[in-house]
Amino acid sequence: FSEGGKKFIGLSRDPRVCLAIFDKYQGFDKLCGLQISGLARLIE
């Protein structure tokens, strides 16, 4: 859910998005994160 913002400029022109989820860096032995490519759609 979003109230609005400049992200909607990109969403209006290109459905391709990328999102990242990650933990705070605590060293190479504790790396944990995802980079997700996907397609966005706005729900009426």
Full PDB file with SEQRES, HELIX, SHEET, SSBOND, CRYST1, ORIGX, SCALE, CONECT and MASTER records, all heavy atoms in Angstrom:
SEQRES   1 A   44  PHE SER GLU GLY GLY LYS LYS PHE ILE GLY LEU SER ARG          
SEQRES   2 A   44  ASP PRO ARG VAL CYS LEU ALA ILE PHE ASP LYS TYR GLN          
SEQRES   3 A   44  GLY PHE ASP LYS LEU CYS GLY LEU GLN ILE SER GLY LEU          
SEQRES   4 A   44  ALA ARG LEU ILE GLU                                          
HELIX    1 AA1 LYS A    7  ARG A   13  1                                   7    
HELIX    2 AA2 PHE A   28  LYS A   30  5                                   3    
SHEET    1 AA1 2 ARG A  16  PHE A  22  0                                        
SHEET    2 AA1 2 GLY A  33  LEU A  39 -1                                        
CRYST1    1.000    1.000    1.000  90.00  90.00  90.00 P 1           1          
ORIGX1      1.000000  0.000000  0.000000        0.00000                         
ORIGX2      0.000000  1.000000  0.000000        0.00000                         
ORIGX3      0.000000  0.000000  1.000000        0.00000                         
SCALE1      1.000000  0.000000  0.000000        0.00000                         
SCALE2      0.000000  1.000000  0.000000        0.00000                         
SCALE3      0.000000  0.000000  1.000000        0.00000                         
ATOM      1  N   PHE A   1       0.863  -1.176   0.000  1.00  0.00           N  
ATOM      2  CA  PHE A   1       0.000   0.000   0.000  1.00  0.00           C  
ATOM      3  C   PHE A   1       0.903   1.229   0.000  1.00  0.00           C  
ATOM      4  O   PHE A   1       1.938   1.252   0.663  1.00  0.00           O  
ATOM      5  CB  PHE A   1      -0.902   0.034   1.239  1.00  0.00           C  
ATOM      6  CG  PHE A   1      -2.196  -0.716   1.087  1.00  0.00           C  
ATOM      7  CD1 PHE A   1      -2.521  -1.738   1.953  1.00  0.00           C  
ATOM      8  CD2 PHE A   1      -3.103  -0.385   0.088  1.00  0.00           C  
ATOM      9  CE1 PHE A   1      -3.727  -2.425   1.825  1.00  0.00           C  
ATOM     10  CE2 PHE A   1      -4.301  -1.055  -0.055  1.00  0.00           C  
ATOM     11  CZ  PHE A   1      -4.619  -2.079   0.818  1.00  0.00           C  
ATOM     12  N   SER A   2       0.505   2.255  -0.743  1.00  0.00           N  
ATOM     13  CA  SER A   2       1.283   3.488  -0.805  1.00  0.00           C  
ATOM     14  C   SER A   2       0.348   4.671  -1.016  1.00  0.00           C  
ATOM     15  O   SER A   2      -0.590   4.590  -1.810  1.00  0.00           O  
ATOM     16  CB  SER A   2       2.281   3.426  -1.963  1.00  0.00           C  
ATOM     17  OG  SER A   2       2.944   4.672  -2.111  1.00  0.00           O  
ATOM     18  N   GLU A   3       0.651   5.757  -0.327  1.00  0.00           N  
ATOM     19  CA  GLU A   3      -0.132   6.973  -0.512  1.00  0.00           C  
ATOM     20  C   GLU A   3       0.193   7.649  -1.843  1.00  0.00           C  
ATOM     21  O   GLU A   3      -0.636   8.358  -2.392  1.00  0.00           O  
ATOM     22  CB  GLU A   3       0.149   7.946   0.640  1.00  0.00           C  
ATOM     23  CG  GLU A   3      -0.353   7.407   1.968  1.00  0.00           C  
ATOM     24  CD  GLU A   3       0.111   8.242   3.133  1.00  0.00           C  
ATOM     25  OE1 GLU A   3       1.328   8.429   3.286  1.00  0.00           O  
ATOM     26  OE2 GLU A   3      -0.767   8.709   3.886  1.00  0.00           O  
ATOM     27  N   GLY A   4       1.395   7.446  -2.342  1.00  0.00           N  
ATOM     28  CA  GLY A   4       1.819   8.075  -3.587  1.00  0.00           C  
ATOM     29  C   GLY A   4       3.317   8.254  -3.599  1.00  0.00           C  
ATOM     30  O   GLY A   4       4.035   7.597  -2.844  1.00  0.00           O  
ATOM     31  N   GLY A   5       3.806   9.122  -4.451  1.00  0.00           N  
ATOM     32  CA  GLY A   5       5.233   9.406  -4.533  1.00  0.00           C  
ATOM     33  C   GLY A   5       5.756   9.249  -5.951  1.00  0.00           C  
ATOM     34  O   GLY A   5       5.069   8.773  -6.853  1.00  0.00           O  
ATOM     35  N   LYS A   6       7.000   9.657  -6.140  1.00  0.00           N  
ATOM     36  CA  LYS A   6       7.629   9.663  -7.458  1.00  0.00           C  
ATOM     37  C   LYS A   6       7.788   8.261  -8.048  1.00  0.00           C  
ATOM     38  O   LYS A   6       7.951   8.127  -9.259  1.00  0.00           O  
ATOM     39  CB  LYS A   6       8.992  10.348  -7.403  1.00  0.00           C  
ATOM     40  CG  LYS A   6       8.939  11.780  -6.945  1.00  0.00           C  
ATOM     41  CD  LYS A   6       8.281  12.655  -7.979  1.00  0.00           C  
ATOM     42  CE  LYS A   6       8.383  14.102  -7.524  1.00  0.00           C  
ATOM     43  NZ  LYS A   6       7.344  14.920  -8.055  1.00  0.00           N  
ATOM     44  N   LYS A   7       7.717   7.209  -7.241  1.00  0.00           N  
ATOM     45  CA  LYS A   7       7.819   5.851  -7.786  1.00  0.00           C  
ATOM     46  C   LYS A   7       6.719   5.583  -8.811  1.00  0.00           C  
ATOM     47  O   LYS A   7       6.889   4.772  -9.710  1.00  0.00           O  
ATOM     48  CB  LYS A   7       7.785   4.808  -6.671  1.00  0.00           C  
ATOM     49  CG  LYS A   7       6.471   4.741  -5.908  1.00  0.00           C  
ATOM     50  CD  LYS A   7       6.597   3.785  -4.739  1.00  0.00           C  
ATOM     51  CE  LYS A   7       5.657   4.106  -3.630  1.00  0.00           C  
ATOM     52  NZ  LYS A   7       5.911   5.345  -2.916  1.00  0.00           N  
ATOM     53  N   PHE A   8       5.622   6.307  -8.713  1.00  0.00           N  
ATOM     54  CA  PHE A   8       4.509   6.094  -9.643  1.00  0.00           C  
ATOM     55  C   PHE A   8       4.808   6.628 -11.053  1.00  0.00           C  
ATOM     56  O   PHE A   8       4.169   6.210 -12.009  1.00  0.00           O  
ATOM     57  CB  PHE A   8       3.211   6.679  -9.078  1.00  0.00           C  
ATOM     58  CG  PHE A   8       2.668   5.840  -7.960  1.00  0.00           C  
ATOM     59  CD1 PHE A   8       2.976   6.129  -6.641  1.00  0.00           C  
ATOM     60  CD2 PHE A   8       1.881   4.731  -8.224  1.00  0.00           C  
ATOM     61  CE1 PHE A   8       2.503   5.332  -5.600  1.00  0.00           C  
ATOM     62  CE2 PHE A   8       1.406   3.933  -7.199  1.00  0.00           C  
ATOM     63  CZ  PHE A   8       1.713   4.228  -5.887  1.00  0.00           C  
ATOM     64  N   ILE A   9       5.802   7.505 -11.188  1.00  0.00           N  
ATOM     65  CA  ILE A   9       6.219   7.940 -12.525  1.00  0.00           C  
ATOM     66  C   ILE A   9       6.782   6.730 -13.267  1.00  0.00           C  
ATOM     67  O   ILE A   9       6.390   6.432 -14.393  1.00  0.00           O  
ATOM     68  CB  ILE A   9       7.239   9.093 -12.454  1.00  0.00           C  
ATOM     69  CG1 ILE A   9       6.584  10.342 -11.876  1.00  0.00           C  
ATOM     70  CG2 ILE A   9       7.840   9.366 -13.842  1.00  0.00           C  
ATOM     71  CD1 ILE A   9       7.557  11.473 -11.574  1.00  0.00           C  
ATOM     72  N   GLY A  10       7.701   6.025 -12.623  1.00  0.00           N  
ATOM     73  CA  GLY A  10       8.269   4.833 -13.234  1.00  0.00           C  
ATOM     74  C   GLY A  10       7.235   3.745 -13.440  1.00  0.00           C  
ATOM     75  O   GLY A  10       7.192   3.110 -14.495  1.00  0.00           O  
ATOM     76  N   LEU A  11       6.376   3.538 -12.453  1.00  0.00           N  
ATOM     77  CA  LEU A  11       5.351   2.493 -12.562  1.00  0.00           C  
ATOM     78  C   LEU A  11       4.378   2.778 -13.705  1.00  0.00           C  
ATOM     79  O   LEU A  11       3.862   1.851 -14.324  1.00  0.00           O  
ATOM     80  CB  LEU A  11       4.589   2.355 -11.247  1.00  0.00           C  
ATOM     81  CG  LEU A  11       5.372   1.745 -10.087  1.00  0.00           C  
ATOM     82  CD1 LEU A  11       4.570   1.858  -8.791  1.00  0.00           C  
ATOM     83  CD2 LEU A  11       5.743   0.306 -10.377  1.00  0.00           C  
ATOM     84  N   SER A  12       4.136   4.060 -14.004  1.00  0.00           N  
ATOM     85  CA  SER A  12       3.208   4.398 -15.078  1.00  0.00           C  
ATOM     86  C   SER A  12       3.803   4.135 -16.462  1.00  0.00           C  
ATOM     87  O   SER A  12       3.069   3.986 -17.433  1.00  0.00           O  
ATOM     88  CB  SER A  12       2.776   5.862 -14.974  1.00  0.00           C  
ATOM     89  OG  SER A  12       3.833   6.725 -15.340  1.00  0.00           O  
ATOM     90  N   ARG A  13       5.126   4.067 -16.536  1.00  0.00           N  
ATOM     91  CA  ARG A  13       5.792   3.920 -17.837  1.00  0.00           C  
ATOM     92  C   ARG A  13       6.417   2.556 -18.054  1.00  0.00           C  
ATOM     93  O   ARG A  13       6.666   2.167 -19.199  1.00  0.00           O  
ATOM     94  CB  ARG A  13       6.877   4.980 -17.981  1.00  0.00           C  
ATOM     95  CG  ARG A  13       6.343   6.390 -17.954  1.00  0.00           C  
ATOM     96  CD  ARG A  13       7.469   7.362 -18.119  1.00  0.00           C  
ATOM     97  NE  ARG A  13       7.038   8.721 -17.831  1.00  0.00           N  
ATOM     98  CZ  ARG A  13       7.868   9.717 -17.621  1.00  0.00           C  
ATOM     99  NH1 ARG A  13       9.166   9.533 -17.680  1.00  0.00           N  
ATOM    100  NH2 ARG A  13       7.394  10.914 -17.362  1.00  0.00           N  
ATOM    101  N   ASP A  14       6.754   1.857 -16.981  1.00  0.00           N  
ATOM    102  CA  ASP A  14       7.478   0.591 -17.122  1.00  0.00           C  
ATOM    103  C   ASP A  14       7.116  -0.314 -15.940  1.00  0.00           C  
ATOM    104  O   ASP A  14       7.385   0.048 -14.797  1.00  0.00           O  
ATOM    105  CB  ASP A  14       8.984   0.857 -17.143  1.00  0.00           C  
ATOM    106  CG  ASP A  14       9.796  -0.351 -17.542  1.00  0.00           C  
ATOM    107  OD1 ASP A  14       9.298  -1.488 -17.460  1.00  0.00           O  
ATOM    108  OD2 ASP A  14      10.961  -0.164 -17.944  1.00  0.00           O  
ATOM    109  N   PRO A  15       6.533  -1.474 -16.193  1.00  0.00           N  
ATOM    110  CA  PRO A  15       6.136  -2.349 -15.097  1.00  0.00           C  
ATOM    111  C   PRO A  15       7.304  -3.110 -14.465  1.00  0.00           C  
ATOM    112  O   PRO A  15       7.144  -3.711 -13.406  1.00  0.00           O  
ATOM    113  CB  PRO A  15       5.166  -3.326 -15.774  1.00  0.00           C  
ATOM    114  CG  PRO A  15       5.640  -3.404 -17.183  1.00  0.00           C  
ATOM    115  CD  PRO A  15       6.132  -1.999 -17.495  1.00  0.00           C  
ATOM    116  N   ARG A  16       8.486  -3.055 -15.092  1.00  0.00           N  
ATOM    117  CA  ARG A  16       9.635  -3.777 -14.538  1.00  0.00           C  
ATOM    118  C   ARG A  16      10.158  -3.040 -13.303  1.00  0.00           C  
ATOM    119  O   ARG A  16      10.383  -1.832 -13.341  1.00  0.00           O  
ATOM    120  CB  ARG A  16      10.747  -3.910 -15.576  1.00  0.00           C  
ATOM    121  CG  ARG A  16      10.349  -4.781 -16.760  1.00  0.00           C  
ATOM    122  CD  ARG A  16      11.391  -4.758 -17.838  1.00  0.00           C  
ATOM    123  NE  ARG A  16      11.583  -3.372 -18.277  1.00  0.00           N  
ATOM    124  CZ  ARG A  16      12.677  -2.926 -18.892  1.00  0.00           C  
ATOM    125  NH1 ARG A  16      13.661  -3.741 -19.150  1.00  0.00           N  
ATOM    126  NH2 ARG A  16      12.761  -1.658 -19.256  1.00  0.00           N  
ATOM    127  N   VAL A  17      10.340  -3.795 -12.234  1.00  0.00           N  
ATOM    128  CA  VAL A  17      10.842  -3.227 -10.990  1.00  0.00           C  
ATOM    129  C   VAL A  17      11.897  -4.160 -10.408  1.00  0.00           C  
ATOM    130  O   VAL A  17      12.037  -5.302 -10.831  1.00  0.00           O  
ATOM    131  CB  VAL A  17       9.704  -3.016  -9.948  1.00  0.00           C  
ATOM    132  CG1 VAL A  17       8.665  -2.030 -10.460  1.00  0.00           C  
ATOM    133  CG2 VAL A  17       9.061  -4.325  -9.552  1.00  0.00           C  
ATOM    134  N   CYS A  18      12.595  -3.645  -9.444  1.00  0.00           N  
ATOM    135  CA  CYS A  18      13.548  -4.454  -8.692  1.00  0.00           C  
ATOM    136  C   CYS A  18      13.379  -4.077  -7.232  1.00  0.00           C  
ATOM    137  O   CYS A  18      13.161  -2.914  -6.898  1.00  0.00           O  
ATOM    138  CB  CYS A  18      14.968  -4.149  -9.168  1.00  0.00           C  
ATOM    139  SG  CYS A  18      16.198  -5.280  -8.510  1.00  0.00           S  
ATOM    140  N   LEU A  19      13.412  -5.075  -6.365  1.00  0.00           N  
ATOM    141  CA  LEU A  19      13.382  -4.766  -4.945  1.00  0.00           C  
ATOM    142  C   LEU A  19      14.459  -5.553  -4.224  1.00  0.00           C  
ATOM    143  O   LEU A  19      14.889  -6.598  -4.701  1.00  0.00           O  
ATOM    144  CB  LEU A  19      12.005  -4.992  -4.330  1.00  0.00           C  
ATOM    145  CG  LEU A  19      11.231  -6.241  -4.575  1.00  0.00           C  
ATOM    146  CD1 LEU A  19      11.104  -7.031  -3.296  1.00  0.00           C  
ATOM    147  CD2 LEU A  19       9.845  -5.836  -5.030  1.00  0.00           C  
ATOM    148  N   ALA A  20      14.912  -5.008  -3.137  1.00  0.00           N  
ATOM    149  CA  ALA A  20      15.970  -5.627  -2.351  1.00  0.00           C  
ATOM    150  C   ALA A  20      15.511  -5.746  -0.907  1.00  0.00           C  
ATOM    151  O   ALA A  20      14.908  -4.825  -0.357  1.00  0.00           O  
ATOM    152  CB  ALA A  20      17.252  -4.806  -2.433  1.00  0.00           C  
ATOM    153  N   ILE A  21      15.809  -6.909  -0.345  1.00  0.00           N  
ATOM    154  CA  ILE A  21      15.570  -7.179   1.077  1.00  0.00           C  
ATOM    155  C   ILE A  21      16.905  -7.676   1.611  1.00  0.00           C  
ATOM    156  O   ILE A  21      17.512  -8.574   1.010  1.00  0.00           O  
ATOM    157  CB  ILE A  21      14.488  -8.258   1.278  1.00  0.00           C  
ATOM    158  CG1 ILE A  21      13.204  -7.898   0.533  1.00  0.00           C  
ATOM    159  CG2 ILE A  21      14.231  -8.487   2.764  1.00  0.00           C  
ATOM    160  CD1 ILE A  21      12.214  -9.049   0.439  1.00  0.00           C  
ATOM    161  N   PHE A  22      17.363  -7.118   2.718  1.00  0.00           N  
ATOM    162  CA  PHE A  22      18.700  -7.495   3.181  1.00  0.00           C  
ATOM    163  C   PHE A  22      18.863  -7.230   4.667  1.00  0.00           C  
ATOM    164  O   PHE A  22      18.171  -6.398   5.248  1.00  0.00           O  
ATOM    165  CB  PHE A  22      19.780  -6.743   2.389  1.00  0.00           C  
ATOM    166  CG  PHE A  22      19.540  -5.260   2.334  1.00  0.00           C  
ATOM    167  CD1 PHE A  22      20.074  -4.411   3.276  1.00  0.00           C  
ATOM    168  CD2 PHE A  22      18.745  -4.718   1.318  1.00  0.00           C  
ATOM    169  CE1 PHE A  22      19.840  -3.043   3.216  1.00  0.00           C  
ATOM    170  CE2 PHE A  22      18.512  -3.354   1.244  1.00  0.00           C  
ATOM    171  CZ  PHE A  22      19.062  -2.518   2.200  1.00  0.00           C  
ATOM    172  N   ASP A  23      19.803  -7.962   5.247  1.00  0.00           N  
ATOM    173  CA  ASP A  23      20.173  -7.753   6.640  1.00  0.00           C  
ATOM    174  C   ASP A  23      21.310  -6.736   6.713  1.00  0.00           C  
ATOM    175  O   ASP A  23      22.050  -6.541   5.739  1.00  0.00           O  
ATOM    176  CB  ASP A  23      20.676  -9.061   7.267  1.00  0.00           C  
ATOM    177  CG  ASP A  23      19.586 -10.082   7.473  1.00  0.00           C  
ATOM    178  OD1 ASP A  23      18.403  -9.773   7.245  1.00  0.00           O  
ATOM    179  OD2 ASP A  23      19.913 -11.218   7.860  1.00  0.00           O  
ATOM    180  N   LYS A  24      21.457  -6.136   7.864  1.00  0.00           N  
ATOM    181  CA  LYS A  24      22.567  -5.223   8.117  1.00  0.00           C  
ATOM    182  C   LYS A  24      23.872  -6.002   7.939  1.00  0.00           C  
ATOM    183  O   LYS A  24      23.997  -7.153   8.366  1.00  0.00           O  
ATOM    184  CB  LYS A  24      22.458  -4.704   9.549  1.00  0.00           C  
ATOM    185  CG  LYS A  24      23.559  -3.792   9.974  1.00  0.00           C  
ATOM    186  CD  LYS A  24      23.352  -3.345  11.414  1.00  0.00           C  
ATOM    187  CE  LYS A  24      24.519  -2.535  11.884  1.00  0.00           C  
ATOM    188  NZ  LYS A  24      24.369  -2.149  13.287  1.00  0.00           N  
ATOM    189  N   TYR A  25      24.860  -5.376   7.310  1.00  0.00           N  
ATOM    190  CA  TYR A  25      26.150  -6.028   7.092  1.00  0.00           C  
ATOM    191  C   TYR A  25      26.851  -6.266   8.425  1.00  0.00           C  
ATOM    192  O   TYR A  25      27.024  -5.358   9.222  1.00  0.00           O  
ATOM    193  CB  TYR A  25      27.046  -5.175   6.181  1.00  0.00           C  
ATOM    194  CG  TYR A  25      28.394  -5.807   5.958  1.00  0.00           C  
ATOM    195  CD1 TYR A  25      28.539  -6.875   5.086  1.00  0.00           C  
ATOM    196  CD2 TYR A  25      29.511  -5.363   6.651  1.00  0.00           C  
ATOM    197  CE1 TYR A  25      29.765  -7.476   4.887  1.00  0.00           C  
ATOM    198  CE2 TYR A  25      30.745  -5.952   6.467  1.00  0.00           C  
ATOM    199  CZ  TYR A  25      30.871  -7.017   5.585  1.00  0.00           C  
ATOM    200  OH  TYR A  25      32.084  -7.618   5.404  1.00  0.00           O  
ATOM    201  N   GLN A  26      27.249  -7.532   8.634  1.00  0.00           N  
ATOM    202  CA  GLN A  26      27.974  -7.899   9.856  1.00  0.00           C  
ATOM    203  C   GLN A  26      29.177  -8.776   9.541  1.00  0.00           C  
ATOM    204  O   GLN A  26      29.666  -9.472  10.415  1.00  0.00           O  
ATOM    205  CB  GLN A  26      27.035  -8.614  10.828  1.00  0.00           C  
ATOM    206  CG  GLN A  26      25.915  -7.739  11.296  1.00  0.00           C  
ATOM    207  CD  GLN A  26      24.990  -8.449  12.281  1.00  0.00           C  
ATOM    208  OE1 GLN A  26      25.173  -9.616  12.597  1.00  0.00           O  
ATOM    209  NE2 GLN A  26      24.002  -7.739  12.761  1.00  0.00           N  
ATOM    210  N   GLY A  27      29.610  -8.788   8.291  1.00  0.00           N  
ATOM    211  CA  GLY A  27      30.770  -9.571   7.884  1.00  0.00           C  
ATOM    212  C   GLY A  27      30.411 -10.547   6.780  1.00  0.00           C  
ATOM    213  O   GLY A  27      29.244 -10.896   6.583  1.00  0.00           O  
ATOM    214  N   PHE A  28      31.450 -10.987   6.056  1.00  0.00           N  
ATOM    215  CA  PHE A  28      31.229 -11.877   4.925  1.00  0.00           C  
ATOM    216  C   PHE A  28      30.606 -13.214   5.310  1.00  0.00           C  
ATOM    217  O   PHE A  28      29.952 -13.852   4.499  1.00  0.00           O  
ATOM    218  CB  PHE A  28      32.537 -12.135   4.175  1.00  0.00           C  
ATOM    219  CG  PHE A  28      32.928 -10.997   3.277  1.00  0.00           C  
ATOM    220  CD1 PHE A  28      34.058 -10.248   3.543  1.00  0.00           C  
ATOM    221  CD2 PHE A  28      32.166 -10.690   2.164  1.00  0.00           C  
ATOM    222  CE1 PHE A  28      34.416  -9.198   2.713  1.00  0.00           C  
ATOM    223  CE2 PHE A  28      32.514  -9.644   1.331  1.00  0.00           C  
ATOM    224  CZ  PHE A  28      33.643  -8.894   1.608  1.00  0.00           C  
ATOM    225  N   ASP A  29      30.792 -13.632   6.535  1.00  0.00           N  
ATOM    226  CA  ASP A  29      30.222 -14.923   6.956  1.00  0.00           C  
ATOM    227  C   ASP A  29      28.765 -14.811   7.401  1.00  0.00           C  
ATOM    228  O   ASP A  29      28.150 -15.807   7.774  1.00  0.00           O  
ATOM    229  CB  ASP A  29      31.063 -15.535   8.077  1.00  0.00           C  
ATOM    230  CG  ASP A  29      31.117 -14.650   9.320  1.00  0.00           C  
ATOM    231  OD1 ASP A  29      30.930 -13.420   9.200  1.00  0.00           O  
ATOM    232  OD2 ASP A  29      31.343 -15.196  10.414  1.00  0.00           O  
ATOM    233  N   LYS A  30      28.200 -13.601   7.329  1.00  0.00           N  
ATOM    234  CA  LYS A  30      26.811 -13.397   7.755  1.00  0.00           C  
ATOM    235  C   LYS A  30      26.001 -12.635   6.698  1.00  0.00           C  
ATOM    236  O   LYS A  30      25.026 -11.966   7.030  1.00  0.00           O  
ATOM    237  CB  LYS A  30      26.773 -12.642   9.076  1.00  0.00           C  
ATOM    238  CG  LYS A  30      27.332 -13.423  10.240  1.00  0.00           C  
ATOM    239  CD  LYS A  30      27.196 -12.642  11.531  1.00  0.00           C  
ATOM    240  CE  LYS A  30      27.616 -13.441  12.712  1.00  0.00           C  
ATOM    241  NZ  LYS A  30      29.038 -13.525  12.930  1.00  0.00           N  
ATOM    242  N   LEU A  31      26.384 -12.749   5.430  1.00  0.00           N  
ATOM    243  CA  LEU A  31      25.652 -12.053   4.372  1.00  0.00           C  
ATOM    244  C   LEU A  31      24.277 -12.686   4.174  1.00  0.00           C  
ATOM    245  O   LEU A  31      24.146 -13.908   4.168  1.00  0.00           O  
ATOM    246  CB  LEU A  31      26.431 -12.126   3.051  1.00  0.00           C  
ATOM    247  CG  LEU A  31      27.785 -11.436   3.040  1.00  0.00           C  
ATOM    248  CD1 LEU A  31      28.505 -11.723   1.736  1.00  0.00           C  
ATOM    249  CD2 LEU A  31      27.641  -9.947   3.270  1.00  0.00           C  
ATOM    250  N   CYS A  32      23.276 -11.832   4.025  1.00  0.00           N  
ATOM    251  CA  CYS A  32      21.915 -12.336   3.847  1.00  0.00           C  
ATOM    252  C   CYS A  32      21.089 -11.265   3.133  1.00  0.00           C  
ATOM    253  O   CYS A  32      20.825 -10.207   3.687  1.00  0.00           O  
ATOM    254  CB  CYS A  32      21.307 -12.654   5.211  1.00  0.00           C  
ATOM    255  SG  CYS A  32      19.926 -13.774   5.119  1.00  0.00           S  
ATOM    256  N   GLY A  33      20.703 -11.579   1.895  1.00  0.00           N  
ATOM    257  CA  GLY A  33      19.898 -10.622   1.168  1.00  0.00           C  
ATOM    258  C   GLY A  33      19.387 -11.179  -0.145  1.00  0.00           C  
ATOM    259  O   GLY A  33      19.884 -12.185  -0.654  1.00  0.00           O  
ATOM    260  N   LEU A  34      18.383 -10.499  -0.661  1.00  0.00           N  
ATOM    261  CA  LEU A  34      17.751 -10.878  -1.917  1.00  0.00           C  
ATOM    262  C   LEU A  34      17.650  -9.661  -2.820  1.00  0.00           C  
ATOM    263  O   LEU A  34      17.384  -8.550  -2.349  1.00  0.00           O  
ATOM    264  CB  LEU A  34      16.319 -11.388  -1.689  1.00  0.00           C  
ATOM    265  CG  LEU A  34      16.107 -12.571  -0.770  1.00  0.00           C  
ATOM    266  CD1 LEU A  34      14.608 -12.825  -0.590  1.00  0.00           C  
ATOM    267  CD2 LEU A  34      16.797 -13.801  -1.314  1.00  0.00           C  
ATOM    268  N   GLN A  35      17.829  -9.891  -4.114  1.00  0.00           N  
ATOM    269  CA  GLN A  35      17.500  -8.895  -5.127  1.00  0.00           C  
ATOM    270  C   GLN A  35      16.448  -9.540  -6.016  1.00  0.00           C  
ATOM    271  O   GLN A  35      16.678 -10.603  -6.577  1.00  0.00           O  
ATOM    272  CB  GLN A  35      18.723  -8.512  -5.938  1.00  0.00           C  
ATOM    273  CG  GLN A  35      18.396  -7.487  -7.005  1.00  0.00           C  
ATOM    274  CD  GLN A  35      19.635  -6.940  -7.660  1.00  0.00           C  
ATOM    275  OE1 GLN A  35      20.424  -6.270  -7.018  1.00  0.00           O  
ATOM    276  NE2 GLN A  35      19.801  -7.236  -8.930  1.00  0.00           N  
ATOM    277  N   ILE A  36      15.305  -8.912  -6.102  1.00  0.00           N  
ATOM    278  CA  ILE A  36      14.142  -9.506  -6.764  1.00  0.00           C  
ATOM    279  C   ILE A  36      13.753  -8.654  -7.963  1.00  0.00           C  
ATOM    280  O   ILE A  36      13.484  -7.460  -7.823  1.00  0.00           O  
ATOM    281  CB  ILE A  36      12.968  -9.617  -5.772  1.00  0.00           C  
ATOM    282  CG1 ILE A  36      13.385 -10.481  -4.594  1.00  0.00           C  
ATOM    283  CG2 ILE A  36      11.722 -10.154  -6.458  1.00  0.00           C  
ATOM    284  CD1 ILE A  36      12.785 -10.112  -3.285  1.00  0.00           C  
ATOM    285  N   SER A  37      13.725  -9.267  -9.129  1.00  0.00           N  
ATOM    286  CA  SER A  37      13.229  -8.610 -10.337  1.00  0.00           C  
ATOM    287  C   SER A  37      11.797  -9.076 -10.532  1.00  0.00           C  
ATOM    288  O   SER A  37      11.474 -10.236 -10.268  1.00  0.00           O  
ATOM    289  CB  SER A  37      14.064  -9.007 -11.555  1.00  0.00           C  
ATOM    290  OG  SER A  37      15.397  -8.623 -11.381  1.00  0.00           O  
ATOM    291  N   GLY A  38      10.954  -8.179 -10.987  1.00  0.00           N  
ATOM    292  CA  GLY A  38       9.567  -8.572 -11.176  1.00  0.00           C  
ATOM    293  C   GLY A  38       8.782  -7.582 -11.996  1.00  0.00           C  
ATOM    294  O   GLY A  38       9.321  -6.584 -12.495  1.00  0.00           O  
ATOM    295  N   LEU A  39       7.508  -7.886 -12.113  1.00  0.00           N  
ATOM    296  CA  LEU A  39       6.577  -7.048 -12.870  1.00  0.00           C  
ATOM    297  C   LEU A  39       5.516  -6.510 -11.923  1.00  0.00           C  
ATOM    298  O   LEU A  39       4.887  -7.276 -11.182  1.00  0.00           O  
ATOM    299  CB  LEU A  39       5.919  -7.860 -13.982  1.00  0.00           C  
ATOM    300  CG  LEU A  39       6.893  -8.382 -15.038  1.00  0.00           C  
ATOM    301  CD1 LEU A  39       6.190  -9.348 -15.972  1.00  0.00           C  
ATOM    302  CD2 LEU A  39       7.509  -7.227 -15.808  1.00  0.00           C  
ATOM    303  N   ALA A  40       5.341  -5.204 -11.958  1.00  0.00           N  
ATOM    304  CA  ALA A  40       4.380  -4.537 -11.079  1.00  0.00           C  
ATOM    305  C   ALA A  40       3.086  -4.259 -11.824  1.00  0.00           C  
ATOM    306  O   ALA A  40       3.081  -4.029 -13.032  1.00  0.00           O  
ATOM    307  CB  ALA A  40       4.964  -3.232 -10.552  1.00  0.00           C  
ATOM    308  N   ARG A  41       2.018  -4.290 -11.074  1.00  0.00           N  
ATOM    309  CA  ARG A  41       0.730  -3.824 -11.597  1.00  0.00           C  
ATOM    310  C   ARG A  41       0.037  -3.077 -10.471  1.00  0.00           C  
ATOM    311  O   ARG A  41       0.195  -3.395  -9.286  1.00  0.00           O  
ATOM    312  CB  ARG A  41      -0.120  -4.955 -12.151  1.00  0.00           C  
ATOM    313  CG  ARG A  41      -0.594  -5.956 -11.156  1.00  0.00           C  
ATOM    314  CD  ARG A  41      -1.324  -7.120 -11.847  1.00  0.00           C  
ATOM    315  NE  ARG A  41      -1.602  -8.169 -10.894  1.00  0.00           N  
ATOM    316  CZ  ARG A  41      -2.759  -8.355 -10.291  1.00  0.00           C  
ATOM    317  NH1 ARG A  41      -3.781  -7.572 -10.544  1.00  0.00           N  
ATOM    318  NH2 ARG A  41      -2.916  -9.336  -9.421  1.00  0.00           N  
ATOM    319  N   LEU A  42      -0.716  -2.077 -10.864  1.00  0.00           N  
ATOM    320  CA  LEU A  42      -1.473  -1.297  -9.888  1.00  0.00           C  
ATOM    321  C   LEU A  42      -2.864  -1.900  -9.795  1.00  0.00           C  
ATOM    322  O   LEU A  42      -3.505  -2.181 -10.807  1.00  0.00           O  
ATOM    323  CB  LEU A  42      -1.529   0.170 -10.304  1.00  0.00           C  
ATOM    324  CG  LEU A  42      -0.154   0.845 -10.363  1.00  0.00           C  
ATOM    325  CD1 LEU A  42      -0.261   2.243 -10.935  1.00  0.00           C  
ATOM    326  CD2 LEU A  42       0.496   0.860  -9.001  1.00  0.00           C  
ATOM    327  N   ILE A  43      -3.310  -2.085  -8.574  1.00  0.00           N  
ATOM    328  CA  ILE A  43      -4.608  -2.700  -8.305  1.00  0.00           C  
ATOM    329  C   ILE A  43      -5.634  -1.590  -8.117  1.00  0.00           C  
ATOM    330  O   ILE A  43      -5.438  -0.672  -7.306  1.00  0.00           O  
ATOM    331  CB  ILE A  43      -4.545  -3.590  -7.042  1.00  0.00           C  
ATOM    332  CG1 ILE A  43      -3.406  -4.623  -7.147  1.00  0.00           C  
ATOM    333  CG2 ILE A  43      -5.887  -4.241  -6.778  1.00  0.00           C  
ATOM    334  CD1 ILE A  43      -3.513  -5.584  -8.302  1.00  0.00           C  
ATOM    335  N   GLU A  44      -6.707  -1.677  -8.844  1.00  0.00           N  
ATOM    336  CA  GLU A  44      -7.747  -0.651  -8.771  1.00  0.00           C  
ATOM    337  C   GLU A  44      -8.331  -0.590  -7.357  1.00  0.00           C  
ATOM    338  O   GLU A  44      -8.672  -1.624  -6.774  1.00  0.00           O  
ATOM    339  CB  GLU A  44      -8.853  -0.958  -9.777  1.00  0.00           C  
ATOM    340  CG  GLU A  44      -9.885   0.146  -9.857  1.00  0.00           C  
ATOM    341  CD  GLU A  44     -10.900  -0.107 -10.959  1.00  0.00           C  
ATOM    342  OE1 GLU A  44     -10.530  -0.667 -11.998  1.00  0.00           O  
ATOM    343  OE2 GLU A  44     -12.069   0.272 -10.746  1.00  0.00           O  
TER     344      GLU A  44                                                      
MASTER        0    0    0    2    2    0    0    6  343    1    0    4          
END                                                                             
